[in-house]
N, C-alpha and C. Protein backbone atom coordinates (compact mmCIF):
# COMPACT_ATOMS: atom_id res chain seq x y z
N MET A 1 104.37 186.48 17.76
CA MET A 1 104.81 187.62 18.57
C MET A 1 105.84 187.15 19.59
N ASP A 2 106.84 187.95 19.78
CA ASP A 2 107.87 187.63 20.74
C ASP A 2 107.65 188.45 22.00
N ASP A 3 108.69 188.97 22.57
CA ASP A 3 108.58 189.70 23.83
C ASP A 3 108.10 191.13 23.65
N HIS A 4 107.64 191.50 22.48
CA HIS A 4 107.05 192.83 22.27
C HIS A 4 105.53 192.80 22.40
N ARG A 5 104.98 191.70 22.85
CA ARG A 5 103.53 191.54 22.99
C ARG A 5 102.90 192.63 23.85
N HIS A 6 103.62 193.15 24.84
CA HIS A 6 103.08 194.19 25.72
C HIS A 6 102.80 195.50 24.99
N LEU A 7 103.31 195.67 23.77
CA LEU A 7 103.07 196.88 22.99
C LEU A 7 101.80 196.78 22.14
N VAL A 8 101.26 195.59 21.99
CA VAL A 8 100.07 195.40 21.15
C VAL A 8 98.88 196.24 21.63
N PRO A 9 98.61 196.37 22.95
CA PRO A 9 97.49 197.23 23.36
C PRO A 9 97.64 198.68 22.90
N LEU A 10 98.87 199.17 22.80
CA LEU A 10 99.09 200.53 22.29
C LEU A 10 98.71 200.61 20.82
N VAL A 11 99.14 199.63 20.05
CA VAL A 11 98.80 199.59 18.63
C VAL A 11 97.28 199.46 18.47
N ASP A 12 96.67 198.57 19.25
CA ASP A 12 95.22 198.39 19.17
C ASP A 12 94.48 199.68 19.47
N ALA A 13 94.92 200.43 20.48
CA ALA A 13 94.27 201.70 20.83
C ALA A 13 94.40 202.71 19.70
N LEU A 14 95.57 202.76 19.07
CA LEU A 14 95.79 203.69 17.96
C LEU A 14 94.97 203.30 16.73
N LEU A 15 94.88 202.01 16.46
CA LEU A 15 94.07 201.55 15.33
C LEU A 15 92.59 201.81 15.57
N ALA A 16 92.13 201.59 16.80
CA ALA A 16 90.72 201.83 17.14
C ALA A 16 90.36 203.31 17.00
N ALA A 17 91.35 204.18 17.16
CA ALA A 17 91.12 205.62 17.06
C ALA A 17 91.26 206.15 15.63
N GLY A 18 91.51 205.25 14.67
CA GLY A 18 91.53 205.68 13.28
C GLY A 18 92.85 205.61 12.55
N ASN A 19 93.92 205.21 13.23
CA ASN A 19 95.18 205.04 12.52
C ASN A 19 95.11 203.71 11.77
N ALA A 20 96.11 203.39 10.96
CA ALA A 20 96.12 202.15 10.20
C ALA A 20 97.55 201.65 10.06
N LEU A 21 97.68 200.35 9.83
CA LEU A 21 98.99 199.77 9.61
C LEU A 21 99.43 200.03 8.18
N GLU A 22 100.70 200.35 8.01
CA GLU A 22 101.27 200.46 6.67
C GLU A 22 101.25 199.06 6.07
N PRO A 23 100.69 198.88 4.89
CA PRO A 23 100.65 197.54 4.29
C PRO A 23 102.05 196.97 4.09
N HIS A 24 102.15 195.66 4.23
CA HIS A 24 103.42 194.97 4.04
C HIS A 24 103.15 193.73 3.19
N PRO A 25 103.95 193.47 2.18
CA PRO A 25 103.66 192.35 1.28
C PRO A 25 103.80 190.97 1.91
N ALA A 26 104.56 190.84 2.99
CA ALA A 26 104.85 189.52 3.54
C ALA A 26 104.01 189.14 4.75
N THR A 27 103.36 190.11 5.41
CA THR A 27 102.66 189.78 6.65
C THR A 27 101.53 190.76 6.93
N GLU A 28 100.56 190.29 7.68
CA GLU A 28 99.48 191.16 8.15
C GLU A 28 99.67 191.47 9.64
N GLU A 29 100.71 190.90 10.25
CA GLU A 29 101.00 191.14 11.66
C GLU A 29 101.38 192.61 11.86
N PRO A 30 101.03 193.20 13.02
CA PRO A 30 101.39 194.59 13.24
C PRO A 30 102.89 194.81 13.39
N PHE A 31 103.61 193.86 13.98
CA PHE A 31 105.05 194.01 14.18
C PHE A 31 105.80 193.17 13.17
N ARG A 32 106.82 193.78 12.58
CA ARG A 32 107.63 193.13 11.55
C ARG A 32 109.08 193.13 11.99
N PRO A 33 109.83 192.09 11.65
CA PRO A 33 111.23 192.06 12.05
C PRO A 33 112.10 192.95 11.17
N SER A 34 113.14 193.49 11.78
CA SER A 34 114.17 194.23 11.05
C SER A 34 115.50 193.92 11.71
N GLN A 35 116.58 194.42 11.15
CA GLN A 35 117.89 194.16 11.73
C GLN A 35 118.01 194.74 13.14
N GLY A 36 117.28 195.82 13.41
CA GLY A 36 117.37 196.46 14.72
C GLY A 36 116.34 195.99 15.73
N GLY A 37 115.47 195.08 15.35
CA GLY A 37 114.41 194.61 16.23
C GLY A 37 113.07 194.71 15.52
N TYR A 38 112.01 194.46 16.25
CA TYR A 38 110.67 194.52 15.67
C TYR A 38 110.18 195.96 15.59
N TYR A 39 109.36 196.24 14.57
CA TYR A 39 108.76 197.56 14.44
C TYR A 39 107.34 197.42 13.91
N CYS A 40 106.53 198.40 14.20
CA CYS A 40 105.17 198.51 13.70
C CYS A 40 105.06 199.87 13.03
N GLN A 41 104.74 199.88 11.74
CA GLN A 41 104.66 201.13 10.99
C GLN A 41 103.19 201.52 10.79
N LEU A 42 102.84 202.71 11.27
CA LEU A 42 101.49 203.24 11.09
C LEU A 42 101.47 204.23 9.94
N THR A 43 100.28 204.45 9.36
CA THR A 43 100.18 205.34 8.21
C THR A 43 100.03 206.80 8.61
N LYS A 44 99.48 207.06 9.80
CA LYS A 44 99.25 208.43 10.25
C LYS A 44 100.13 208.72 11.47
N PRO A 45 100.37 209.99 11.75
CA PRO A 45 101.11 210.32 12.98
C PRO A 45 100.39 209.76 14.21
N ILE A 46 101.17 209.45 15.22
CA ILE A 46 100.61 208.91 16.47
C ILE A 46 99.90 210.03 17.22
N ASP A 47 98.68 209.75 17.64
CA ASP A 47 97.93 210.67 18.51
C ASP A 47 98.24 210.26 19.94
N PHE A 48 99.23 210.90 20.53
CA PHE A 48 99.70 210.52 21.86
C PHE A 48 98.65 210.74 22.94
N ARG A 49 97.67 211.61 22.69
CA ARG A 49 96.59 211.82 23.68
C ARG A 49 95.82 210.53 23.94
N ILE A 50 95.70 209.69 22.93
CA ILE A 50 94.98 208.43 23.07
C ILE A 50 95.67 207.52 24.08
N LEU A 51 96.98 207.62 24.17
CA LEU A 51 97.75 206.71 25.01
C LEU A 51 97.89 207.18 26.45
N ARG A 52 97.40 208.37 26.76
CA ARG A 52 97.56 208.91 28.12
C ARG A 52 96.91 208.02 29.18
N GLY A 53 95.81 207.34 28.83
CA GLY A 53 95.12 206.50 29.81
C GLY A 53 95.55 205.05 29.79
N VAL A 54 96.47 204.70 28.90
CA VAL A 54 96.92 203.31 28.79
C VAL A 54 98.12 203.12 29.73
N PRO A 55 98.05 202.11 30.62
CA PRO A 55 99.19 201.89 31.51
C PRO A 55 100.44 201.50 30.72
N LEU A 56 101.56 202.16 31.03
CA LEU A 56 102.81 201.90 30.33
C LEU A 56 103.87 201.39 31.28
N ASP A 57 104.63 200.44 30.83
CA ASP A 57 105.80 199.97 31.54
C ASP A 57 106.84 201.10 31.55
N ASP A 58 107.68 201.17 32.56
CA ASP A 58 108.67 202.25 32.62
C ASP A 58 109.76 202.12 31.56
N LYS A 59 109.78 201.02 30.83
CA LYS A 59 110.74 200.85 29.74
C LYS A 59 110.17 201.28 28.39
N VAL A 60 108.89 201.67 28.37
CA VAL A 60 108.24 202.13 27.14
C VAL A 60 108.30 203.64 27.11
N HIS A 61 108.82 204.19 26.03
CA HIS A 61 109.04 205.62 25.92
C HIS A 61 108.21 206.21 24.78
N LEU A 62 107.44 207.24 25.09
CA LEU A 62 106.69 207.98 24.09
C LEU A 62 107.56 209.14 23.61
N VAL A 63 107.97 209.10 22.37
CA VAL A 63 108.87 210.12 21.82
C VAL A 63 108.05 210.97 20.85
N GLU A 64 107.28 211.90 21.42
CA GLU A 64 106.31 212.66 20.64
C GLU A 64 106.97 213.50 19.55
N GLN A 65 108.09 214.15 19.84
CA GLN A 65 108.71 215.04 18.86
C GLN A 65 109.22 214.28 17.63
N ALA A 66 109.47 212.98 17.75
CA ALA A 66 109.95 212.18 16.62
C ALA A 66 108.89 211.20 16.12
N ASP A 67 107.68 211.23 16.69
CA ASP A 67 106.54 210.42 16.25
C ASP A 67 106.81 208.92 16.32
N TYR A 68 107.32 208.47 17.48
CA TYR A 68 107.45 207.03 17.66
C TYR A 68 107.44 206.66 19.14
N ILE A 69 107.26 205.38 19.36
CA ILE A 69 107.26 204.79 20.70
C ILE A 69 108.29 203.67 20.65
N TRP A 70 109.10 203.55 21.69
CA TRP A 70 110.04 202.45 21.70
C TRP A 70 110.17 201.86 23.10
N CYS A 71 110.58 200.62 23.14
CA CYS A 71 110.76 199.90 24.39
C CYS A 71 112.22 199.52 24.52
N ASP A 72 112.84 199.95 25.62
CA ASP A 72 114.25 199.62 25.79
C ASP A 72 114.46 198.25 26.44
N HIS A 73 113.37 197.50 26.62
CA HIS A 73 113.48 196.11 27.07
C HIS A 73 113.58 195.17 25.87
N CYS A 74 112.67 195.35 24.91
CA CYS A 74 112.63 194.43 23.76
C CYS A 74 113.11 195.08 22.46
N TRP A 75 113.42 196.37 22.48
CA TRP A 75 113.92 197.12 21.33
C TRP A 75 112.93 197.22 20.19
N ALA A 76 111.64 197.07 20.49
CA ALA A 76 110.62 197.22 19.46
C ALA A 76 110.18 198.68 19.37
N GLU A 77 109.71 199.07 18.18
CA GLU A 77 109.26 200.44 17.95
C GLU A 77 107.88 200.44 17.32
N ILE A 78 107.11 201.46 17.65
CA ILE A 78 105.88 201.78 16.95
C ILE A 78 106.15 203.12 16.29
N ARG A 79 106.13 203.16 14.97
CA ARG A 79 106.48 204.37 14.22
C ARG A 79 105.22 204.99 13.63
N GLY A 80 105.01 206.25 13.92
CA GLY A 80 103.90 206.98 13.33
C GLY A 80 104.22 207.37 11.90
N GLY A 81 103.22 207.81 11.17
CA GLY A 81 103.40 208.18 9.78
C GLY A 81 104.33 209.36 9.57
N GLY A 82 104.59 210.15 10.61
CA GLY A 82 105.49 211.28 10.50
C GLY A 82 106.90 210.98 10.94
N HIS A 83 107.16 209.73 11.35
CA HIS A 83 108.50 209.35 11.83
C HIS A 83 109.49 209.33 10.68
N GLN A 84 110.64 209.94 10.90
CA GLN A 84 111.71 209.95 9.91
C GLN A 84 112.87 209.12 10.44
N GLN A 85 113.32 208.17 9.69
CA GLN A 85 114.49 207.39 10.07
C GLN A 85 115.72 208.28 10.07
N ALA A 86 116.60 208.05 11.02
CA ALA A 86 117.85 208.81 11.06
C ALA A 86 118.71 208.42 9.86
N GLU A 87 119.32 209.40 9.27
CA GLU A 87 120.20 209.14 8.12
C GLU A 87 121.51 208.53 8.64
N THR A 88 121.97 207.52 7.96
CA THR A 88 123.27 206.96 8.32
C THR A 88 124.26 207.35 7.24
N GLY A 89 125.47 207.59 7.63
CA GLY A 89 126.39 208.06 6.62
C GLY A 89 127.75 207.63 6.81
């Protein structure tokens, strides 16, 4: 884990509440590298109510309408199962 370690408690809370990690053939770690930074892919939509009691850094953003969480410090994302990647063209 790199500097996205502060996001692990959010993932842990979501997993404890019944969400799951999308399987990945190369790793069992929750965060995986990509060209844009680290990401964690969940199988179900994020239940943002679970995170209301978790202390968040002011650089961590809950983006409920797009079903993801991102940090503008480390550029890591937690993507819910309903998250749609933006189309590039």
